[in-house]
Amino acid sequence: MSFEETLTGILGRVEGGIAAVILGIDGIPIERSILDKERDLDIDLITTEFTTLLRRSMRVASDTALGDLKELVLVTNLMTYLLRPITPEYFMLLAISPRGNVGRARFELRKAQLSLEEEFAI
């Protein structure tokens, strides 16, 4: 299954799914799928900004001996964003509407992580 098919599949199974992205820790998107193209969503800017937050969160978890970061969820009044690592260098970002199904989104990201780990392993 291609990366695009994986992302599109996630969006199709998550109620309220808007966009899904595979990105590097440097903030550069590798693949993206946007379901709601009418929405004013600058996914490249969002991924760039989230990688700064992600790197800091990873550093905090490490510096405080909390363990590896497994998931990051940010909820705003316009959107909910979920970030999940595939490897320490690659992540998935899922954007869902405020009324979207966060539980299902978390489940689908976890499934995708498990299937993509092998492809991203060095």
N, C-alpha and C. Protein backbone atom coordinates (compact mmCIF):
# COMPACT_ATOMS: atom_id res chain seq x y z
N MET A 1 0.85 -1.17 0.00
CA MET A 1 0.00 0.00 0.00
C MET A 1 0.90 1.24 0.00
N SER A 2 0.59 2.21 -0.83
CA SER A 2 1.39 3.43 -0.92
C SER A 2 1.09 4.34 0.27
N PHE A 3 1.97 5.31 0.49
CA PHE A 3 1.76 6.26 1.57
C PHE A 3 0.47 7.03 1.38
N GLU A 4 0.21 7.44 0.14
CA GLU A 4 -1.02 8.19 -0.15
C GLU A 4 -2.26 7.35 0.15
N GLU A 5 -2.23 6.08 -0.22
CA GLU A 5 -3.36 5.19 0.06
C GLU A 5 -3.56 5.02 1.57
N THR A 6 -2.46 4.92 2.30
CA THR A 6 -2.54 4.80 3.75
C THR A 6 -3.21 6.03 4.35
N LEU A 7 -2.76 7.21 3.94
CA LEU A 7 -3.33 8.46 4.48
C LEU A 7 -4.78 8.64 4.09
N THR A 8 -5.10 8.36 2.84
CA THR A 8 -6.48 8.49 2.37
C THR A 8 -7.38 7.50 3.10
N GLY A 9 -6.87 6.30 3.36
CA GLY A 9 -7.62 5.31 4.12
C GLY A 9 -7.93 5.77 5.53
N ILE A 10 -6.94 6.37 6.18
CA ILE A 10 -7.16 6.91 7.52
C ILE A 10 -8.27 7.95 7.50
N LEU A 11 -8.19 8.88 6.55
CA LEU A 11 -9.20 9.94 6.46
C LEU A 11 -10.59 9.37 6.20
N GLY A 12 -10.65 8.31 5.41
CA GLY A 12 -11.93 7.69 5.10
C GLY A 12 -12.56 6.97 6.28
N ARG A 13 -11.73 6.55 7.22
CA ARG A 13 -12.24 5.80 8.38
C ARG A 13 -12.43 6.66 9.63
N VAL A 14 -11.95 7.89 9.60
CA VAL A 14 -12.06 8.76 10.78
C VAL A 14 -13.12 9.83 10.52
N GLU A 15 -14.17 9.79 11.30
CA GLU A 15 -15.22 10.80 11.18
C GLU A 15 -14.63 12.17 11.47
N GLY A 16 -14.83 13.10 10.55
CA GLY A 16 -14.31 14.45 10.72
C GLY A 16 -12.89 14.63 10.23
N GLY A 17 -12.31 13.60 9.62
CA GLY A 17 -10.94 13.70 9.10
C GLY A 17 -10.83 14.76 8.01
N ILE A 18 -9.82 15.61 8.12
CA ILE A 18 -9.64 16.69 7.15
C ILE A 18 -8.35 16.53 6.37
N ALA A 19 -7.25 16.26 7.07
CA ALA A 19 -5.95 16.12 6.40
C ALA A 19 -5.07 15.15 7.17
N ALA A 20 -4.24 14.43 6.43
CA ALA A 20 -3.27 13.51 7.02
C ALA A 20 -1.95 13.71 6.29
N VAL A 21 -0.86 13.70 7.06
CA VAL A 21 0.46 13.98 6.50
C VAL A 21 1.48 13.04 7.13
N ILE A 22 2.41 12.58 6.31
CA ILE A 22 3.62 11.93 6.81
C ILE A 22 4.72 12.96 6.63
N LEU A 23 5.46 13.23 7.71
CA LEU A 23 6.48 14.27 7.64
C LEU A 23 7.72 13.85 8.40
N GLY A 24 8.81 14.48 8.02
CA GLY A 24 10.07 14.27 8.71
C GLY A 24 10.18 15.20 9.90
N ILE A 25 11.10 14.90 10.80
CA ILE A 25 11.31 15.71 11.99
C ILE A 25 11.77 17.12 11.61
N ASP A 26 12.23 17.29 10.37
CA ASP A 26 12.64 18.60 9.87
C ASP A 26 11.46 19.44 9.40
N GLY A 27 10.25 18.87 9.42
CA GLY A 27 9.05 19.60 9.03
C GLY A 27 8.68 19.48 7.57
N ILE A 28 9.46 18.75 6.81
CA ILE A 28 9.17 18.60 5.38
C ILE A 28 8.19 17.45 5.17
N PRO A 29 7.03 17.75 4.56
CA PRO A 29 6.06 16.69 4.29
C PRO A 29 6.57 15.70 3.24
N ILE A 30 6.38 14.43 3.50
CA ILE A 30 6.76 13.38 2.55
C ILE A 30 5.58 13.03 1.67
N GLU A 31 4.41 12.93 2.30
CA GLU A 31 3.16 12.65 1.58
C GLU A 31 2.03 13.29 2.35
N ARG A 32 1.00 13.71 1.63
CA ARG A 32 -0.15 14.32 2.28
C ARG A 32 -1.42 13.93 1.54
N SER A 33 -2.51 13.97 2.29
CA SER A 33 -3.82 13.75 1.72
C SER A 33 -4.76 14.73 2.40
N ILE A 34 -5.44 15.52 1.60
CA ILE A 34 -6.36 16.53 2.14
C ILE A 34 -7.75 16.21 1.62
N LEU A 35 -8.65 15.93 2.54
CA LEU A 35 -10.01 15.55 2.16
C LEU A 35 -10.87 16.77 1.86
N ASP A 36 -10.72 17.80 2.66
CA ASP A 36 -11.53 19.01 2.51
C ASP A 36 -10.68 20.11 1.88
N LYS A 37 -10.58 20.10 0.55
CA LYS A 37 -9.72 21.06 -0.14
C LYS A 37 -10.30 22.48 -0.15
N GLU A 38 -11.57 22.60 0.18
CA GLU A 38 -12.20 23.92 0.23
C GLU A 38 -11.80 24.70 1.49
N ARG A 39 -11.45 23.97 2.52
CA ARG A 39 -11.08 24.60 3.80
C ARG A 39 -9.77 25.37 3.62
N ASP A 40 -9.69 26.52 4.24
CA ASP A 40 -8.48 27.34 4.18
C ASP A 40 -7.45 26.75 5.16
N LEU A 41 -6.67 25.78 4.66
CA LEU A 41 -5.75 25.03 5.50
C LEU A 41 -4.38 25.00 4.83
N ASP A 42 -3.42 25.70 5.41
CA ASP A 42 -2.05 25.70 4.90
C ASP A 42 -1.29 24.59 5.60
N ILE A 43 -1.42 23.38 5.09
CA ILE A 43 -0.87 22.21 5.75
C ILE A 43 0.66 22.27 5.84
N ASP A 44 1.31 22.89 4.87
CA ASP A 44 2.77 23.00 4.94
C ASP A 44 3.20 23.89 6.10
N LEU A 45 2.52 24.99 6.29
CA LEU A 45 2.82 25.87 7.43
C LEU A 45 2.52 25.16 8.74
N ILE A 46 1.41 24.46 8.80
CA ILE A 46 1.04 23.74 10.02
C ILE A 46 2.08 22.68 10.37
N THR A 47 2.52 21.90 9.39
CA THR A 47 3.52 20.87 9.68
C THR A 47 4.84 21.49 10.13
N THR A 48 5.23 22.58 9.53
CA THR A 48 6.47 23.25 9.93
C THR A 48 6.39 23.72 11.38
N GLU A 49 5.29 24.34 11.73
CA GLU A 49 5.13 24.83 13.10
C GLU A 49 5.01 23.69 14.10
N PHE A 50 4.32 22.63 13.73
CA PHE A 50 4.17 21.51 14.65
C PHE A 50 5.48 20.78 14.90
N THR A 51 6.37 20.76 13.95
CA THR A 51 7.64 20.07 14.18
C THR A 51 8.46 20.77 15.26
N THR A 52 8.35 22.09 15.35
CA THR A 52 9.03 22.81 16.43
C THR A 52 8.45 22.36 17.77
N LEU A 53 7.15 22.33 17.88
CA LEU A 53 6.48 21.87 19.09
C LEU A 53 6.83 20.41 19.39
N LEU A 54 6.86 19.61 18.36
CA LEU A 54 7.16 18.19 18.50
C LEU A 54 8.59 17.97 19.02
N ARG A 55 9.55 18.66 18.44
CA ARG A 55 10.94 18.52 18.88
C ARG A 55 11.09 18.95 20.34
N ARG A 56 10.46 20.04 20.71
CA ARG A 56 10.53 20.50 22.10
C ARG A 56 9.87 19.50 23.05
N SER A 57 8.74 18.97 22.65
CA SER A 57 8.05 17.99 23.48
C SER A 57 8.89 16.73 23.65
N MET A 58 9.54 16.31 22.58
CA MET A 58 10.42 15.14 22.66
C MET A 58 11.58 15.41 23.62
N ARG A 59 12.12 16.61 23.54
CA ARG A 59 13.24 16.98 24.41
C ARG A 59 12.80 17.02 25.87
N VAL A 60 11.63 17.58 26.14
CA VAL A 60 11.11 17.64 27.51
C VAL A 60 10.91 16.22 28.05
N ALA A 61 10.31 15.35 27.25
CA ALA A 61 10.09 13.97 27.69
C ALA A 61 11.41 13.28 28.00
N SER A 62 12.40 13.52 27.17
CA SER A 62 13.72 12.92 27.38
C SER A 62 14.42 13.52 28.59
N ASP A 63 14.45 14.84 28.69
CA ASP A 63 15.16 15.53 29.78
C ASP A 63 14.57 15.24 31.14
N THR A 64 13.30 14.96 31.20
CA THR A 64 12.64 14.69 32.48
C THR A 64 12.48 13.20 32.75
N ALA A 65 13.10 12.38 31.91
CA ALA A 65 13.07 10.92 32.05
C ALA A 65 11.65 10.36 32.04
N LEU A 66 10.79 10.97 31.23
CA LEU A 66 9.41 10.49 31.10
C LEU A 66 9.28 9.37 30.07
N GLY A 67 10.31 9.17 29.28
CA GLY A 67 10.26 8.16 28.24
C GLY A 67 10.08 8.78 26.87
N ASP A 68 9.91 7.94 25.87
CA ASP A 68 9.75 8.41 24.50
C ASP A 68 8.34 8.96 24.28
N LEU A 69 8.25 9.99 23.48
CA LEU A 69 6.97 10.57 23.11
C LEU A 69 6.21 9.58 22.22
N LYS A 70 4.99 9.24 22.59
CA LYS A 70 4.18 8.29 21.84
C LYS A 70 3.07 8.96 21.03
N GLU A 71 2.63 10.13 21.50
CA GLU A 71 1.53 10.80 20.84
C GLU A 71 1.45 12.22 21.36
N LEU A 72 1.03 13.11 20.50
CA LEU A 72 0.83 14.50 20.88
C LEU A 72 -0.52 14.93 20.30
N VAL A 73 -1.38 15.49 21.13
CA VAL A 73 -2.70 15.94 20.69
C VAL A 73 -2.85 17.40 21.05
N LEU A 74 -3.24 18.20 20.08
CA LEU A 74 -3.48 19.61 20.30
C LEU A 74 -4.91 19.92 19.83
N VAL A 75 -5.68 20.48 20.73
CA VAL A 75 -7.08 20.79 20.42
C VAL A 75 -7.25 22.30 20.41
N THR A 76 -7.78 22.82 19.30
CA THR A 76 -8.12 24.23 19.20
C THR A 76 -9.62 24.33 18.94
N ASN A 77 -10.14 25.54 18.91
CA ASN A 77 -11.57 25.67 18.65
C ASN A 77 -11.93 25.36 17.20
N LEU A 78 -10.95 25.36 16.29
CA LEU A 78 -11.22 25.09 14.88
C LEU A 78 -10.83 23.69 14.41
N MET A 79 -9.92 23.04 15.16
CA MET A 79 -9.41 21.76 14.68
C MET A 79 -8.72 21.01 15.82
N THR A 80 -8.66 19.70 15.69
CA THR A 80 -7.88 18.85 16.58
C THR A 80 -6.76 18.23 15.76
N TYR A 81 -5.54 18.28 16.28
CA TYR A 81 -4.37 17.75 15.59
C TYR A 81 -3.78 16.63 16.42
N LEU A 82 -3.49 15.52 15.77
CA LEU A 82 -2.85 14.40 16.43
C LEU A 82 -1.54 14.12 15.71
N LEU A 83 -0.48 13.97 16.48
CA LEU A 83 0.84 13.62 15.93
C LEU A 83 1.27 12.31 16.55
N ARG A 84 1.75 11.41 15.73
CA ARG A 84 2.22 10.11 16.21
C ARG A 84 3.50 9.75 15.47
N PRO A 85 4.54 9.34 16.21
CA PRO A 85 5.78 8.97 15.55
C PRO A 85 5.66 7.64 14.81
N ILE A 86 6.33 7.57 13.68
CA ILE A 86 6.51 6.30 12.98
C ILE A 86 7.86 5.74 13.43
N THR A 87 8.86 6.61 13.38
CA THR A 87 10.21 6.36 13.90
C THR A 87 10.61 7.67 14.60
N PRO A 88 11.77 7.73 15.23
CA PRO A 88 12.18 9.01 15.83
C PRO A 88 12.35 10.15 14.82
N GLU A 89 12.48 9.83 13.53
CA GLU A 89 12.69 10.86 12.51
C GLU A 89 11.47 11.15 11.65
N TYR A 90 10.45 10.31 11.71
CA TYR A 90 9.27 10.48 10.86
C TYR A 90 7.99 10.37 11.68
N PHE A 91 7.02 11.21 11.31
CA PHE A 91 5.78 11.31 12.06
C PHE A 91 4.58 11.37 11.14
N MET A 92 3.41 11.11 11.72
CA MET A 92 2.15 11.31 11.03
C MET A 92 1.39 12.40 11.76
N LEU A 93 0.76 13.27 11.00
CA LEU A 93 -0.10 14.32 11.54
C LEU A 93 -1.49 14.10 10.97
N LEU A 94 -2.47 14.14 11.82
CA LEU A 94 -3.86 14.02 11.40
C LEU A 94 -4.63 15.21 11.93
N ALA A 95 -5.32 15.91 11.04
CA ALA A 95 -6.16 17.04 11.42
C ALA A 95 -7.61 16.61 11.27
N ILE A 96 -8.39 16.82 12.35
CA ILE A 96 -9.81 16.47 12.30
C ILE A 96 -10.63 17.65 12.79
N SER A 97 -11.88 17.67 12.40
CA SER A 97 -12.78 18.75 12.81
C SER A 97 -13.05 18.64 14.31
N PRO A 98 -13.53 19.73 14.93
CA PRO A 98 -13.77 19.71 16.38
C PRO A 98 -14.74 18.62 16.83
N ARG A 99 -15.62 18.23 15.96
CA ARG A 99 -16.58 17.18 16.31
C ARG A 99 -16.15 15.81 15.80
N GLY A 100 -14.92 15.73 15.32
CA GLY A 100 -14.40 14.47 14.81
C GLY A 100 -14.20 13.44 15.91
N ASN A 101 -14.00 12.21 15.50
CA ASN A 101 -13.86 11.10 16.43
C ASN A 101 -12.38 10.92 16.80
N VAL A 102 -11.98 11.50 17.92
CA VAL A 102 -10.57 11.46 18.35
C VAL A 102 -10.14 10.03 18.69
N GLY A 103 -11.01 9.27 19.31
CA GLY A 103 -10.67 7.88 19.65
C GLY A 103 -10.36 7.06 18.41
N ARG A 104 -11.21 7.18 17.42
CA ARG A 104 -10.98 6.44 16.17
C ARG A 104 -9.72 6.95 15.48
N ALA A 105 -9.48 8.27 15.54
CA ALA A 105 -8.28 8.85 14.94
C ALA A 105 -7.03 8.28 15.60
N ARG A 106 -7.02 8.18 16.91
CA ARG A 106 -5.87 7.62 17.62
C ARG A 106 -5.65 6.16 17.21
N PHE A 107 -6.74 5.40 17.13
CA PHE A 107 -6.67 4.00 16.74
C PHE A 107 -6.10 3.84 15.33
N GLU A 108 -6.60 4.63 14.40
CA GLU A 108 -6.14 4.53 13.01
C GLU A 108 -4.67 4.95 12.86
N LEU A 109 -4.26 5.97 13.60
CA LEU A 109 -2.84 6.37 13.56
C LEU A 109 -1.95 5.27 14.12
N ARG A 110 -2.39 4.63 15.17
CA ARG A 110 -1.59 3.53 15.75
C ARG A 110 -1.46 2.38 14.76
N LYS A 111 -2.56 2.01 14.12
CA LYS A 111 -2.50 0.95 13.10
C LYS A 111 -1.55 1.32 11.97
N ALA A 112 -1.65 2.55 11.50
CA ALA A 112 -0.79 3.00 10.41
C ALA A 112 0.67 3.02 10.85
N GLN A 113 0.92 3.44 12.09
CA GLN A 113 2.29 3.45 12.60
C GLN A 113 2.89 2.05 12.54
N LEU A 114 2.16 1.07 12.99
CA LEU A 114 2.66 -0.29 12.99
C LEU A 114 2.96 -0.79 11.58
N SER A 115 2.13 -0.44 10.63
CA SER A 115 2.36 -0.91 9.26
C SER A 115 3.47 -0.13 8.56
N LEU A 116 3.68 1.13 8.95
CA LEU A 116 4.70 1.95 8.30
C LEU A 116 6.09 1.84 8.93
N GLU A 117 6.17 1.36 10.16
CA GLU A 117 7.46 1.24 10.85
C GLU A 117 8.49 0.49 10.01
N GLU A 118 8.09 -0.59 9.42
CA GLU A 118 9.01 -1.41 8.61
C GLU A 118 9.52 -0.64 7.41
N GLU A 119 8.66 0.14 6.78
CA GLU A 119 9.07 0.89 5.59
C GLU A 119 10.03 2.02 5.91
N PHE A 120 9.96 2.55 7.12
CA PHE A 120 10.82 3.66 7.52
C PHE A 120 12.04 3.22 8.32
N ALA A 121 12.11 1.94 8.66
CA ALA A 121 13.25 1.44 9.43
C ALA A 121 14.51 1.52 8.58
N ILE A 122 15.57 1.91 9.25
CA ILE A 122 16.85 2.06 8.53
C ILE A 122 17.70 0.82 8.73
